[in-house]
Amino acid sequence: MKRGTPKGLRVLAEHVSIEVEFLRECVEHGALPAAELTEDPGTLSPAALARLRRLRRLCRDLDLDVFAGSIIVELLEQLEALRRDRDRPRRGDPDER
């Protein structure tokens, strides 16, 4: 990412109350796609916003860098998807009565 702060990054930082430098690191490590940085922070999907807040909380609470935190968030999301899939009833499942 270029040294200057894109306007979208500054606006998003103000909108979600997260430091611009943290958001810059998120973009550099791929945790926040640069394509999602527009001048309208409302265009950030709710899922991306929740992911960003979760990542910030993990990094702050566990004193992690963004790279390590993004790996943990990715693993947590995969675990949640597996649990949802496991708990979803299957068609033709004998337990589905």
PDB file of N, CA and C in Angstrom:
ATOM      1  N   MET A   1       0.850  -1.177   0.000  1.00  0.00           N
ATOM      2  CA  MET A   1       0.000   0.000   0.000  1.00  0.00           C
ATOM      3  C   MET A   1       0.895   1.239   0.000  1.00  0.00           C
ATOM      4  N   LYS A   2       0.441   2.278  -0.626  1.00  0.00           N
ATOM      5  CA  LYS A   2       1.220   3.503  -0.675  1.00  0.00           C
ATOM      6  C   LYS A   2       1.327   4.118   0.707  1.00  0.00           C
ATOM      7  N   ARG A   3       2.329   4.943   0.871  1.00  0.00           N
ATOM      8  CA  ARG A   3       2.589   5.553   2.167  1.00  0.00           C
ATOM      9  C   ARG A   3       1.466   6.467   2.636  1.00  0.00           C
ATOM     10  N   GLY A   4       0.828   7.177   1.734  1.00  0.00           N
ATOM     11  CA  GLY A   4      -0.272   8.062   2.110  1.00  0.00           C
ATOM     12  C   GLY A   4      -1.504   7.276   2.526  1.00  0.00           C
ATOM     13  N   THR A   5      -2.358   7.911   3.293  1.00  0.00           N
ATOM     14  CA  THR A   5      -3.576   7.249   3.754  1.00  0.00           C
ATOM     15  C   THR A   5      -4.711   7.583   2.805  1.00  0.00           C
ATOM     16  N   PRO A   6      -5.283   6.565   2.161  1.00  0.00           N
ATOM     17  CA  PRO A   6      -6.417   6.853   1.283  1.00  0.00           C
ATOM     18  C   PRO A   6      -7.575   7.420   2.091  1.00  0.00           C
ATOM     19  N   LYS A   7      -8.345   8.274   1.425  1.00  0.00           N
ATOM     20  CA  LYS A   7      -9.469   8.894   2.110  1.00  0.00           C
ATOM     21  C   LYS A   7     -10.432   7.848   2.642  1.00  0.00           C
ATOM     22  N   GLY A   8     -10.676   6.775   1.878  1.00  0.00           N
ATOM     23  CA  GLY A   8     -11.582   5.722   2.316  1.00  0.00           C
ATOM     24  C   GLY A   8     -11.130   5.088   3.619  1.00  0.00           C
ATOM     25  N   LEU A   9      -9.826   4.945   3.778  1.00  0.00           N
ATOM     26  CA  LEU A   9      -9.279   4.349   4.996  1.00  0.00           C
ATOM     27  C   LEU A   9      -9.505   5.261   6.194  1.00  0.00           C
ATOM     28  N   ARG A  10      -9.292   6.559   5.997  1.00  0.00           N
ATOM     29  CA  ARG A  10      -9.516   7.522   7.092  1.00  0.00           C
ATOM     30  C   ARG A  10     -10.991   7.585   7.477  1.00  0.00           C
ATOM     31  N   VAL A  11     -11.854   7.601   6.471  1.00  0.00           N
ATOM     32  CA  VAL A  11     -13.291   7.678   6.735  1.00  0.00           C
ATOM     33  C   VAL A  11     -13.752   6.421   7.463  1.00  0.00           C
ATOM     34  N   LEU A  12     -13.287   5.250   7.011  1.00  0.00           N
ATOM     35  CA  LEU A  12     -13.653   3.997   7.665  1.00  0.00           C
ATOM     36  C   LEU A  12     -13.159   3.979   9.109  1.00  0.00           C
ATOM     37  N   ALA A  13     -11.939   4.446   9.335  1.00  0.00           N
ATOM     38  CA  ALA A  13     -11.377   4.475  10.686  1.00  0.00           C
ATOM     39  C   ALA A  13     -12.253   5.309  11.617  1.00  0.00           C
ATOM     40  N   GLU A  14     -12.717   6.441  11.142  1.00  0.00           N
ATOM     41  CA  GLU A  14     -13.593   7.287  11.957  1.00  0.00           C
ATOM     42  C   GLU A  14     -14.944   6.611  12.186  1.00  0.00           C
ATOM     43  N   HIS A  15     -15.458   5.967  11.142  1.00  0.00           N
ATOM     44  CA  HIS A  15     -16.783   5.341  11.209  1.00  0.00           C
ATOM     45  C   HIS A  15     -16.818   4.174  12.200  1.00  0.00           C
ATOM     46  N   VAL A  16     -15.763   3.360  12.232  1.00  0.00           N
ATOM     47  CA  VAL A  16     -15.767   2.172  13.086  1.00  0.00           C
ATOM     48  C   VAL A  16     -14.924   2.360  14.350  1.00  0.00           C
ATOM     49  N   SER A  17     -14.391   3.542  14.553  1.00  0.00           N
ATOM     50  CA  SER A  17     -13.581   3.868  15.736  1.00  0.00           C
ATOM     51  C   SER A  17     -12.393   2.925  15.903  1.00  0.00           C
ATOM     52  N   ILE A  18     -11.664   2.738  14.820  1.00  0.00           N
ATOM     53  CA  ILE A  18     -10.449   1.923  14.824  1.00  0.00           C
ATOM     54  C   ILE A  18      -9.329   2.772  14.228  1.00  0.00           C
ATOM     55  N   GLU A  19      -8.127   2.595  14.738  1.00  0.00           N
ATOM     56  CA  GLU A  19      -6.995   3.399  14.303  1.00  0.00           C
ATOM     57  C   GLU A  19      -6.691   3.176  12.815  1.00  0.00           C
ATOM     58  N   VAL A  20      -6.327   4.267  12.144  1.00  0.00           N
ATOM     59  CA  VAL A  20      -5.983   4.212  10.725  1.00  0.00           C
ATOM     60  C   VAL A  20      -4.804   3.259  10.500  1.00  0.00           C
ATOM     61  N   GLU A  21      -3.813   3.300  11.362  1.00  0.00           N
ATOM     62  CA  GLU A  21      -2.642   2.434  11.190  1.00  0.00           C
ATOM     63  C   GLU A  21      -3.030   0.961  11.271  1.00  0.00           C
ATOM     64  N   PHE A  22      -3.941   0.610  12.166  1.00  0.00           N
ATOM     65  CA  PHE A  22      -4.404  -0.769  12.259  1.00  0.00           C
ATOM     66  C   PHE A  22      -5.100  -1.169  10.962  1.00  0.00           C
ATOM     67  N   LEU A  23      -5.950  -0.299  10.432  1.00  0.00           N
ATOM     68  CA  LEU A  23      -6.636  -0.595   9.174  1.00  0.00           C
ATOM     69  C   LEU A  23      -5.644  -0.733   8.025  1.00  0.00           C
ATOM     70  N   ARG A  24      -4.614   0.095   8.022  1.00  0.00           N
ATOM     71  CA  ARG A  24      -3.586   0.010   6.978  1.00  0.00           C
ATOM     72  C   ARG A  24      -2.914  -1.366   7.038  1.00  0.00           C
ATOM     73  N   GLU A  25      -2.604  -1.832   8.231  1.00  0.00           N
ATOM     74  CA  GLU A  25      -1.992  -3.156   8.382  1.00  0.00           C
ATOM     75  C   GLU A  25      -2.954  -4.243   7.920  1.00  0.00           C
ATOM     76  N   CYS A  26      -4.242  -4.070   8.201  1.00  0.00           N
ATOM     77  CA  CYS A  26      -5.241  -5.051   7.759  1.00  0.00           C
ATOM     78  C   CYS A  26      -5.256  -5.158   6.237  1.00  0.00           C
ATOM     79  N   VAL A  27      -5.150  -4.029   5.566  1.00  0.00           N
ATOM     80  CA  VAL A  27      -5.114  -4.034   4.103  1.00  0.00           C
ATOM     81  C   VAL A  27      -3.831  -4.694   3.613  1.00  0.00           C
ATOM     82  N   GLU A  28      -2.716  -4.363   4.223  1.00  0.00           N
ATOM     83  CA  GLU A  28      -1.427  -4.927   3.813  1.00  0.00           C
ATOM     84  C   GLU A  28      -1.396  -6.443   3.959  1.00  0.00           C
ATOM     85  N   HIS A  29      -2.058  -6.980   4.979  1.00  0.00           N
ATOM     86  CA  HIS A  29      -2.051  -8.428   5.235  1.00  0.00           C
ATOM     87  C   HIS A  29      -3.254  -9.140   4.633  1.00  0.00           C
ATOM     88  N   GLY A  30      -4.105  -8.406   3.921  1.00  0.00           N
ATOM     89  CA  GLY A  30      -5.237  -9.023   3.250  1.00  0.00           C
ATOM     90  C   GLY A  30      -6.440  -9.281   4.131  1.00  0.00           C
ATOM     91  N   ALA A  31      -6.410  -8.823   5.366  1.00  0.00           N
ATOM     92  CA  ALA A  31      -7.551  -9.019   6.257  1.00  0.00           C
ATOM     93  C   ALA A  31      -8.708  -8.093   5.893  1.00  0.00           C
ATOM     94  N   LEU A  32      -8.417  -7.009   5.215  1.00  0.00           N
ATOM     95  CA  LEU A  32      -9.425  -6.065   4.738  1.00  0.00           C
ATOM     96  C   LEU A  32      -9.106  -5.768   3.281  1.00  0.00           C
ATOM     97  N   PRO A  33      -9.924  -6.262   2.360  1.00  0.00           N
ATOM     98  CA  PRO A  33      -9.642  -6.031   0.940  1.00  0.00           C
ATOM     99  C   PRO A  33      -9.637  -4.545   0.602  1.00  0.00           C
ATOM    100  N   ALA A  34      -8.607  -4.097  -0.091  1.00  0.00           N
ATOM    101  CA  ALA A  34      -8.486  -2.686  -0.469  1.00  0.00           C
ATOM    102  C   ALA A  34      -9.666  -2.257  -1.327  1.00  0.00           C
ATOM    103  N   ALA A  35     -10.251  -3.188  -2.066  1.00  0.00           N
ATOM    104  CA  ALA A  35     -11.389  -2.871  -2.925  1.00  0.00           C
ATOM    105  C   ALA A  35     -12.606  -2.422  -2.114  1.00  0.00           C
ATOM    106  N   GLU A  36     -12.662  -2.799  -0.849  1.00  0.00           N
ATOM    107  CA  GLU A  36     -13.801  -2.417  -0.008  1.00  0.00           C
ATOM    108  C   GLU A  36     -13.641  -1.031   0.599  1.00  0.00           C
ATOM    109  N   LEU A  37     -12.514  -0.393   0.376  1.00  0.00           N
ATOM    110  CA  LEU A  37     -12.274   0.928   0.944  1.00  0.00           C
ATOM    111  C   LEU A  37     -12.796   2.009   0.007  1.00  0.00           C
ATOM    112  N   THR A  38     -13.973   2.477   0.298  1.00  0.00           N
ATOM    113  CA  THR A  38     -14.555   3.562  -0.472  1.00  0.00           C
ATOM    114  C   THR A  38     -14.742   4.744   0.459  1.00  0.00           C
ATOM    115  N   GLU A  39     -15.189   5.835  -0.096  1.00  0.00           N
ATOM    116  CA  GLU A  39     -15.422   7.010   0.740  1.00  0.00           C
ATOM    117  C   GLU A  39     -16.710   6.867   1.555  1.00  0.00           C
ATOM    118  N   ASP A  40     -17.491   5.827   1.280  1.00  0.00           N
ATOM    119  CA  ASP A  40     -18.717   5.568   2.022  1.00  0.00           C
ATOM    120  C   ASP A  40     -18.516   4.321   2.878  1.00  0.00           C
ATOM    121  N   PRO A  41     -18.287   4.480   4.192  1.00  0.00           N
ATOM    122  CA  PRO A  41     -18.053   3.320   5.044  1.00  0.00           C
ATOM    123  C   PRO A  41     -19.264   2.406   5.147  1.00  0.00           C
ATOM    124  N   GLY A  42     -20.431   2.879   4.745  1.00  0.00           N
ATOM    125  CA  GLY A  42     -21.626   2.059   4.763  1.00  0.00           C
ATOM    126  C   GLY A  42     -21.596   0.951   3.720  1.00  0.00           C
ATOM    127  N   THR A  43     -20.662   1.026   2.779  1.00  0.00           N
ATOM    128  CA  THR A  43     -20.569  -0.010   1.751  1.00  0.00           C
ATOM    129  C   THR A  43     -19.817  -1.247   2.251  1.00  0.00           C
ATOM    130  N   LEU A  44     -19.184  -1.150   3.393  1.00  0.00           N
ATOM    131  CA  LEU A  44     -18.501  -2.308   3.974  1.00  0.00           C
ATOM    132  C   LEU A  44     -19.567  -3.281   4.467  1.00  0.00           C
ATOM    133  N   SER A  45     -19.464  -4.524   4.042  1.00  0.00           N
ATOM    134  CA  SER A  45     -20.493  -5.505   4.402  1.00  0.00           C
ATOM    135  C   SER A  45     -20.511  -5.721   5.919  1.00  0.00           C
ATOM    136  N   PRO A  46     -21.666  -6.073   6.459  1.00  0.00           N
ATOM    137  CA  PRO A  46     -21.742  -6.356   7.894  1.00  0.00           C
ATOM    138  C   PRO A  46     -20.785  -7.472   8.312  1.00  0.00           C
ATOM    139  N   ALA A  47     -20.615  -8.464   7.451  1.00  0.00           N
ATOM    140  CA  ALA A  47     -19.697  -9.569   7.765  1.00  0.00           C
ATOM    141  C   ALA A  47     -18.254  -9.065   7.833  1.00  0.00           C
ATOM    142  N   ALA A  48     -17.875  -8.200   6.888  1.00  0.00           N
ATOM    143  CA  ALA A  48     -16.517  -7.654   6.886  1.00  0.00           C
ATOM    144  C   ALA A  48     -16.298  -6.759   8.100  1.00  0.00           C
ATOM    145  N   LEU A  49     -17.313  -5.998   8.463  1.00  0.00           N
ATOM    146  CA  LEU A  49     -17.214  -5.126   9.633  1.00  0.00           C
ATOM    147  C   LEU A  49     -17.068  -5.956  10.906  1.00  0.00           C
ATOM    148  N   ALA A  50     -17.850  -7.017  11.034  1.00  0.00           N
ATOM    149  CA  ALA A  50     -17.757  -7.893  12.208  1.00  0.00           C
ATOM    150  C   ALA A  50     -16.386  -8.557  12.267  1.00  0.00           C
ATOM    151  N   ARG A  51     -15.882  -8.975  11.101  1.00  0.00           N
ATOM    152  CA  ARG A  51     -14.552  -9.605  11.034  1.00  0.00           C
ATOM    153  C   ARG A  51     -13.479  -8.623  11.483  1.00  0.00           C
ATOM    154  N   LEU A  52     -13.589  -7.401  11.017  1.00  0.00           N
ATOM    155  CA  LEU A  52     -12.622  -6.362  11.363  1.00  0.00           C
ATOM    156  C   LEU A  52     -12.635  -6.077  12.869  1.00  0.00           C
ATOM    157  N   ARG A  53     -13.807  -5.973  13.444  1.00  0.00           N
ATOM    158  CA  ARG A  53     -13.910  -5.714  14.885  1.00  0.00           C
ATOM    159  C   ARG A  53     -13.394  -6.902  15.703  1.00  0.00           C
ATOM    160  N   ARG A  54     -13.686  -8.099  15.231  1.00  0.00           N
ATOM    161  CA  ARG A  54     -13.193  -9.300  15.918  1.00  0.00           C
ATOM    162  C   ARG A  54     -11.666  -9.338  15.864  1.00  0.00           C
ATOM    163  N   LEU A  55     -11.122  -9.020  14.713  1.00  0.00           N
ATOM    164  CA  LEU A  55      -9.671  -9.004  14.547  1.00  0.00           C
ATOM    165  C   LEU A  55      -9.035  -7.953  15.454  1.00  0.00           C
ATOM    166  N   ARG A  56      -9.625  -6.779  15.506  1.00  0.00           N
ATOM    167  CA  ARG A  56      -9.092  -5.712  16.374  1.00  0.00           C
ATOM    168  C   ARG A  56      -9.106  -6.143  17.836  1.00  0.00           C
ATOM    169  N   ARG A  57     -10.206  -6.758  18.257  1.00  0.00           N
ATOM    170  CA  ARG A  57     -10.330  -7.206  19.642  1.00  0.00           C
ATOM    171  C   ARG A  57      -9.289  -8.281  19.970  1.00  0.00           C
ATOM    172  N   LEU A  58      -9.121  -9.232  19.074  1.00  0.00           N
ATOM    173  CA  LEU A  58      -8.117 -10.288  19.290  1.00  0.00           C
ATOM    174  C   LEU A  58      -6.713  -9.698  19.380  1.00  0.00           C
ATOM    175  N   CYS A  59      -6.384  -8.827  18.443  1.00  0.00           N
ATOM    176  CA  CYS A  59      -5.043  -8.232  18.428  1.00  0.00           C
ATOM    177  C   CYS A  59      -4.785  -7.417  19.686  1.00  0.00           C
ATOM    178  N   ARG A  60      -5.784  -6.674  20.115  1.00  0.00           N
ATOM    179  CA  ARG A  60      -5.625  -5.846  21.307  1.00  0.00           C
ATOM    180  C   ARG A  60      -5.547  -6.700  22.571  1.00  0.00           C
ATOM    181  N   ASP A  61      -6.500  -7.619  22.734  1.00  0.00           N
ATOM    182  CA  ASP A  61      -6.585  -8.396  23.967  1.00  0.00           C
ATOM    183  C   ASP A  61      -5.453  -9.399  24.131  1.00  0.00           C
ATOM    184  N   LEU A  62      -4.993  -9.974  23.029  1.00  0.00           N
ATOM    185  CA  LEU A  62      -3.939 -10.986  23.094  1.00  0.00           C
ATOM    186  C   LEU A  62      -2.573 -10.448  22.684  1.00  0.00           C
ATOM    187  N   ASP A  63      -2.510  -9.159  22.400  1.00  0.00           N
ATOM    188  CA  ASP A  63      -1.268  -8.503  21.988  1.00  0.00           C
ATOM    189  C   ASP A  63      -0.648  -9.210  20.775  1.00  0.00           C
ATOM    190  N   LEU A  64      -1.480  -9.395  19.740  1.00  0.00           N
ATOM    191  CA  LEU A  64      -1.045 -10.046  18.506  1.00  0.00           C
ATOM    192  C   LEU A  64      -0.832  -9.015  17.412  1.00  0.00           C
ATOM    193  N   ASP A  65       0.000  -9.377  16.447  1.00  0.00           N
ATOM    194  CA  ASP A  65       0.073  -8.524  15.267  1.00  0.00           C
ATOM    195  C   ASP A  65      -1.075  -8.900  14.336  1.00  0.00           C
ATOM    196  N   VAL A  66      -1.316  -8.079  13.333  1.00  0.00           N
ATOM    197  CA  VAL A  66      -2.453  -8.276  12.437  1.00  0.00           C
ATOM    198  C   VAL A  66      -2.344  -9.595  11.679  1.00  0.00           C
ATOM    199  N   PHE A  67      -1.148  -9.971  11.272  1.00  0.00           N
ATOM    200  CA  PHE A  67      -0.962 -11.215  10.532  1.00  0.00           C
ATOM    201  C   PHE A  67      -1.422 -12.412  11.363  1.00  0.00           C
ATOM    202  N   ALA A  68      -0.953 -12.513  12.597  1.00  0.00           N
ATOM    203  CA  ALA A  68      -1.335 -13.625  13.472  1.00  0.00           C
ATOM    204  C   ALA A  68      -2.827 -13.568  13.786  1.00  0.00           C
ATOM    205  N   GLY A  69      -3.329 -12.380  14.062  1.00  0.00           N
ATOM    206  CA  GLY A  69      -4.744 -12.226  14.370  1.00  0.00           C
ATOM    207  C   GLY A  69      -5.630 -12.627  13.203  1.00  0.00           C
ATOM    208  N   SER A  70      -5.218 -12.287  11.983  1.00  0.00           N
ATOM    209  CA  SER A  70      -6.042 -12.635  10.826  1.00  0.00           C
ATOM    210  C   SER A  70      -6.070 -14.141  10.596  1.00  0.00           C
ATOM    211  N   ILE A  71      -4.988 -14.825  10.912  1.00  0.00           N
ATOM    212  CA  ILE A  71      -4.979 -16.287  10.809  1.00  0.00           C
ATOM    213  C   ILE A  71      -5.972 -16.877  11.819  1.00  0.00           C
ATOM    214  N   ILE A  72      -5.965 -16.372  13.034  1.00  0.00           N
ATOM    215  CA  ILE A  72      -6.877 -16.866  14.061  1.00  0.00           C
ATOM    216  C   ILE A  72      -8.326 -16.601  13.671  1.00  0.00           C
ATOM    217  N   VAL A  73      -8.606 -15.408  13.170  1.00  0.00           N
ATOM    218  CA  VAL A  73      -9.974 -15.080  12.756  1.00  0.00           C
ATOM    219  C   VAL A  73     -10.416 -16.015  11.632  1.00  0.00           C
ATOM    220  N   GLU A  74      -9.537 -16.267  10.681  1.00  0.00           N
ATOM    221  CA  GLU A  74      -9.867 -17.177   9.583  1.00  0.00           C
ATOM    222  C   GLU A  74     -10.182 -18.577  10.111  1.00  0.00           C
ATOM    223  N   LEU A  75      -9.372 -19.063  11.033  1.00  0.00           N
ATOM    224  CA  LEU A  75      -9.614 -20.389  11.616  1.00  0.00           C
ATOM    225  C   LEU A  75     -10.926 -20.424  12.405  1.00  0.00           C
ATOM    226  N   LEU A  76     -11.211 -19.370  13.146  1.00  0.00           N
ATOM    227  CA  LEU A  76     -12.481 -19.306  13.882  1.00  0.00           C
ATOM    228  C   LEU A  76     -13.676 -19.309  12.934  1.00  0.00           C
ATOM    229  N   GLU A  77     -13.565 -18.590  11.822  1.00  0.00           N
ATOM    230  CA  GLU A  77     -14.648 -18.565  10.847  1.00  0.00           C
ATOM    231  C   GLU A  77     -14.848 -19.937  10.212  1.00  0.00           C
ATOM    232  N   GLN A  78     -13.750 -20.634   9.932  1.00  0.00           N
ATOM    233  CA  GLN A  78     -13.858 -21.983   9.373  1.00  0.00           C
ATOM    234  C   GLN A  78     -14.506 -22.936  10.373  1.00  0.00           C
ATOM    235  N   LEU A  79     -14.132 -22.815  11.630  1.00  0.00           N
ATOM    236  CA  LEU A  79     -14.722 -23.649  12.677  1.00  0.00           C
ATOM    237  C   LEU A  79     -16.226 -23.398  12.792  1.00  0.00           C
ATOM    238  N   GLU A  80     -16.624 -22.135  12.770  1.00  0.00           N
ATOM    239  CA  GLU A  80     -18.044 -21.794  12.841  1.00  0.00           C
ATOM    240  C   GLU A  80     -18.803 -22.356  11.643  1.00  0.00           C
ATOM    241  N   ALA A  81     -18.210 -22.292  10.446  1.00  0.00           N
ATOM    242  CA  ALA A  81     -18.853 -22.835   9.248  1.00  0.00           C
ATOM    243  C   ALA A  81     -19.008 -24.350   9.365  1.00  0.00           C
ATOM    244  N   LEU A  82     -18.007 -25.025   9.877  1.00  0.00           N
ATOM    245  CA  LEU A  82     -18.094 -26.469  10.067  1.00  0.00           C
ATOM    246  C   LEU A  82     -19.182 -26.831  11.062  1.00  0.00           C
ATOM    247  N   ARG A  83     -19.280 -26.060  12.133  1.00  0.00           N
ATOM    248  CA  ARG A  83     -20.319 -26.322  13.133  1.00  0.00           C
ATOM    249  C   ARG A  83     -21.712 -26.096  12.557  1.00  0.00           C
ATOM    250  N   ARG A  84     -21.874 -25.029  11.764  1.00  0.00           N
ATOM    251  CA  ARG A  84     -23.172 -24.782  11.124  1.00  0.00           C
ATOM    252  C   ARG A  84     -23.529 -25.933  10.190  1.00  0.00           C
ATOM    253  N   ASP A  85     -22.544 -26.377   9.438  1.00  0.00           N
ATOM    254  CA  ASP A  85     -22.768 -27.478   8.503  1.00  0.00           C
ATOM    255  C   ASP A  85     -23.127 -28.764   9.254  1.00  0.00           C
ATOM    256  N   ARG A  86     -22.440 -29.027  10.338  1.00  0.00           N
ATOM    257  CA  ARG A  86     -22.706 -30.224  11.141  1.00  0.00           C
ATOM    258  C   ARG A  86     -24.110 -30.192  11.728  1.00  0.00           C
ATOM    259  N   ASP A  87     -24.544 -29.027  12.166  1.00  0.00           N
ATOM    260  CA  ASP A  87     -25.835 -28.900  12.837  1.00  0.00           C
ATOM    261  C   ASP A  87     -27.012 -28.773  11.876  1.00  0.00           C
ATOM    262  N   ARG A  88     -26.745 -28.603  10.589  1.00  0.00           N
ATOM    263  CA  ARG A  88     -27.809 -28.466   9.597  1.00  0.00           C
ATOM    264  C   ARG A  88     -28.401 -29.848   9.306  1.00  0.00           C
ATOM    265  N   PRO A  89     -29.731 -29.993   9.423  1.00  0.00           N
ATOM    266  CA  PRO A  89     -30.334 -31.299   9.125  1.00  0.00           C
ATOM    267  C   PRO A  89     -30.178 -31.642   7.643  1.00  0.00           C
ATOM    268  N   ARG A  90     -29.961 -32.902   7.375  1.00  0.00           N
ATOM    269  CA  ARG A  90     -29.791 -33.387   6.013  1.00  0.00           C
ATOM    270  C   ARG A  90     -31.107 -34.001   5.520  1.00  0.00           C
ATOM    271  N   ARG A  91     -31.363 -33.870   4.235  1.00  0.00           N
ATOM    272  CA  ARG A  91     -32.530 -34.531   3.650  1.00  0.00           C
ATOM    273  C   ARG A  91     -32.310 -36.033   3.680  1.00  0.00           C
ATOM    274  N   GLY A  92     -33.326 -36.751   4.066  1.00  0.00           N
ATOM    275  CA  GLY A  92     -33.224 -38.190   4.117  1.00  0.00           C
ATOM    276  C   GLY A  92     -32.516 -38.709   5.352  1.00  0.00           C
ATOM    277  N   ASP A  93     -32.137 -37.806   6.251  1.00  0.00           N
ATOM    278  CA  ASP A  93     -31.474 -38.199   7.497  1.00  0.00           C
ATOM    279  C   ASP A  93     -32.502 -38.857   8.396  1.00  0.00           C
ATOM    280  N   PRO A  94     -32.237 -40.093   8.885  1.00  0.00           N
ATOM    281  CA  PRO A  94     -33.215 -40.779   9.743  1.00  0.00           C
ATOM    282  C   PRO A  94     -33.527 -40.024  11.025  1.00  0.00           C
ATOM    283  N   ASP A  95     -32.627 -39.152  11.475  1.00  0.00           N
ATOM    284  CA  ASP A  95     -32.878 -38.376  12.705  1.00  0.00           C
ATOM    285  C   ASP A  95     -33.780 -37.180  12.446  1.00  0.00           C
ATOM    286  N   GLU A  96     -34.063 -36.910  11.177  1.00  0.00           N
ATOM    287  CA  GLU A  96     -34.884 -35.730  10.823  1.00  0.00           C
ATOM    288  C   GLU A  96     -36.355 -36.144  10.768  1.00  0.00           C
ATOM    289  N   ARG A  97     -36.979 -36.224  11.892  1.00  0.00           N
ATOM    290  CA  ARG A  97     -38.395 -36.630  11.953  1.00  0.00           C
ATOM    291  C   ARG A  97     -39.199 -35.613  12.687  1.00  0.00           C
TER     292      ARG A  97
END
